[in-house]
Amino acid sequence: MSVKAEKEGSRVKERHSALCVEEAEGVVKELRALLAKTGIVLPSPGPDPVGLAREAPRPLAERGRCSVGTARRLAVVTAVAAR
């Protein structure tokens, strides 16, 4: 493989990685906004750093830890949305 092809492949991987991270951040932002409308605030939502550390990122949305009361409110909101 030529140096030029390797550089191009590297750029494609970098762009793909950036898009994956942007998508994860966007989804977390959307989730945070929707939950805020119901009065639910999670302490630390964000993209999971472990999923971002891979050569080919596979981001996971980390919702953050929450109290039992907040978990109960999430269950109610989820049940209503599933109807």
C-alpha atoms as a PDB file:
ATOM      1  CA  MET A   1       0.000   0.000   0.000  1.00  0.00           C
ATOM      2  CA  SER A   2       1.330   3.415  -0.885  1.00  0.00           C
ATOM      3  CA  VAL A   3       1.972   6.137   1.656  1.00  0.00           C
ATOM      4  CA  LYS A   4      -0.716   8.246  -0.010  1.00  0.00           C
ATOM      5  CA  ALA A   5      -3.289   5.444   0.305  1.00  0.00           C
ATOM      6  CA  GLU A   6      -2.340   4.895   3.953  1.00  0.00           C
ATOM      7  CA  LYS A   7      -2.791   8.604   4.705  1.00  0.00           C
ATOM      8  CA  GLU A   8      -6.155   8.642   2.933  1.00  0.00           C
ATOM      9  CA  GLY A   9      -7.280   5.571   4.865  1.00  0.00           C
ATOM     10  CA  SER A  10      -6.151   7.209   8.080  1.00  0.00           C
ATOM     11  CA  ARG A  11      -8.164  10.349   7.263  1.00  0.00           C
ATOM     12  CA  VAL A  12     -11.261   8.266   6.569  1.00  0.00           C
ATOM     13  CA  LYS A  13     -10.878   6.475   9.918  1.00  0.00           C
ATOM     14  CA  GLU A  14     -10.351   9.786  11.715  1.00  0.00           C
ATOM     15  CA  ARG A  15     -13.462  11.297  10.120  1.00  0.00           C
ATOM     16  CA  HIS A  16     -15.502   8.197  10.943  1.00  0.00           C
ATOM     17  CA  SER A  17     -14.267   8.374  14.534  1.00  0.00           C
ATOM     18  CA  ALA A  18     -15.179  12.063  14.757  1.00  0.00           C
ATOM     19  CA  LEU A  19     -18.661  11.381  13.405  1.00  0.00           C
ATOM     20  CA  CYS A  20     -19.180   8.585  15.939  1.00  0.00           C
ATOM     21  CA  VAL A  21     -18.187  10.888  18.798  1.00  0.00           C
ATOM     22  CA  GLU A  22     -20.386  13.719  17.481  1.00  0.00           C
ATOM     23  CA  GLU A  23     -23.341  11.354  17.210  1.00  0.00           C
ATOM     24  CA  ALA A  24     -22.846  10.095  20.776  1.00  0.00           C
ATOM     25  CA  GLU A  25     -22.588  13.637  22.125  1.00  0.00           C
ATOM     26  CA  GLY A  26     -25.713  14.670  20.201  1.00  0.00           C
ATOM     27  CA  VAL A  27     -27.751  11.767  21.496  1.00  0.00           C
ATOM     28  CA  VAL A  28     -26.690  12.443  25.080  1.00  0.00           C
ATOM     29  CA  LYS A  29     -27.591  16.121  24.668  1.00  0.00           C
ATOM     30  CA  GLU A  30     -31.004  15.152  23.272  1.00  0.00           C
ATOM     31  CA  LEU A  31     -31.603  12.690  26.112  1.00  0.00           C
ATOM     32  CA  ARG A  32     -30.615  15.295  28.698  1.00  0.00           C
ATOM     33  CA  ALA A  33     -33.021  17.854  27.159  1.00  0.00           C
ATOM     34  CA  LEU A  34     -35.936  15.426  26.965  1.00  0.00           C
ATOM     35  CA  LEU A  35     -35.440  14.252  30.539  1.00  0.00           C
ATOM     36  CA  ALA A  36     -35.208  17.860  31.724  1.00  0.00           C
ATOM     37  CA  LYS A  37     -38.683  18.459  30.294  1.00  0.00           C
ATOM     38  CA  THR A  38     -39.973  15.783  32.680  1.00  0.00           C
ATOM     39  CA  GLY A  39     -38.035  17.243  35.596  1.00  0.00           C
ATOM     40  CA  ILE A  40     -35.437  14.460  35.625  1.00  0.00           C
ATOM     41  CA  VAL A  41     -31.799  15.485  35.868  1.00  0.00           C
ATOM     42  CA  LEU A  42     -29.091  12.848  35.667  1.00  0.00           C
ATOM     43  CA  PRO A  43     -25.815  13.771  37.340  1.00  0.00           C
ATOM     44  CA  SER A  44     -23.290  12.877  34.666  1.00  0.00           C
ATOM     45  CA  PRO A  45     -24.589  11.816  31.259  1.00  0.00           C
ATOM     46  CA  GLY A  46     -22.057  11.745  28.452  1.00  0.00           C
ATOM     47  CA  PRO A  47     -20.273   9.517  25.979  1.00  0.00           C
ATOM     48  CA  ASP A  48     -18.576   6.560  27.681  1.00  0.00           C
ATOM     49  CA  PRO A  49     -14.801   7.114  27.420  1.00  0.00           C
ATOM     50  CA  VAL A  50     -14.016   3.401  27.123  1.00  0.00           C
ATOM     51  CA  GLY A  51     -16.049   3.100  23.919  1.00  0.00           C
ATOM     52  CA  LEU A  52     -14.240   6.125  22.518  1.00  0.00           C
ATOM     53  CA  ALA A  53     -10.779   4.715  23.246  1.00  0.00           C
ATOM     54  CA  ARG A  54     -10.996   1.961  20.632  1.00  0.00           C
ATOM     55  CA  GLU A  55      -9.240   2.277  17.279  1.00  0.00           C
ATOM     56  CA  ALA A  56     -12.686   2.203  15.671  1.00  0.00           C
ATOM     57  CA  PRO A  57     -14.813   4.027  18.273  1.00  0.00           C
ATOM     58  CA  ARG A  58     -18.028   2.417  19.362  1.00  0.00           C
ATOM     59  CA  PRO A  59     -19.478   5.069  21.643  1.00  0.00           C
ATOM     60  CA  LEU A  60     -21.909   4.163  24.352  1.00  0.00           C
ATOM     61  CA  ALA A  61     -24.114   6.741  26.033  1.00  0.00           C
ATOM     62  CA  GLU A  62     -23.300   6.803  29.729  1.00  0.00           C
ATOM     63  CA  ARG A  63     -26.367   7.952  31.617  1.00  0.00           C
ATOM     64  CA  GLY A  64     -24.662   8.440  34.946  1.00  0.00           C
ATOM     65  CA  ARG A  65     -25.543   7.102  38.327  1.00  0.00           C
ATOM     66  CA  CYS A  66     -28.763   8.205  39.945  1.00  0.00           C
ATOM     67  CA  SER A  67     -30.753   7.802  43.111  1.00  0.00           C
ATOM     68  CA  VAL A  68     -33.492   5.211  43.540  1.00  0.00           C
ATOM     69  CA  GLY A  69     -36.070   8.002  43.306  1.00  0.00           C
ATOM     70  CA  THR A  70     -34.681   9.199  39.984  1.00  0.00           C
ATOM     71  CA  ALA A  71     -34.551   5.613  38.698  1.00  0.00           C
ATOM     72  CA  ARG A  72     -38.206   5.210  39.679  1.00  0.00           C
ATOM     73  CA  ARG A  73     -39.126   8.411  37.790  1.00  0.00           C
ATOM     74  CA  LEU A  74     -37.203   7.132  34.735  1.00  0.00           C
ATOM     75  CA  ALA A  75     -39.180   3.892  34.899  1.00  0.00           C
ATOM     76  CA  VAL A  76     -42.468   5.819  34.942  1.00  0.00           C
ATOM     77  CA  VAL A  77     -41.458   8.030  32.015  1.00  0.00           C
ATOM     78  CA  THR A  78     -40.291   4.988  30.074  1.00  0.00           C
ATOM     79  CA  ALA A  79     -43.532   3.121  30.758  1.00  0.00           C
ATOM     80  CA  VAL A  80     -45.606   6.076  29.572  1.00  0.00           C
ATOM     81  CA  ALA A  81     -43.494   6.454  26.425  1.00  0.00           C
ATOM     82  CA  ALA A  82     -43.836   2.730  25.645  1.00  0.00           C
ATOM     83  CA  ARG A  83     -47.623   2.953  25.487  1.00  0.00           C
END
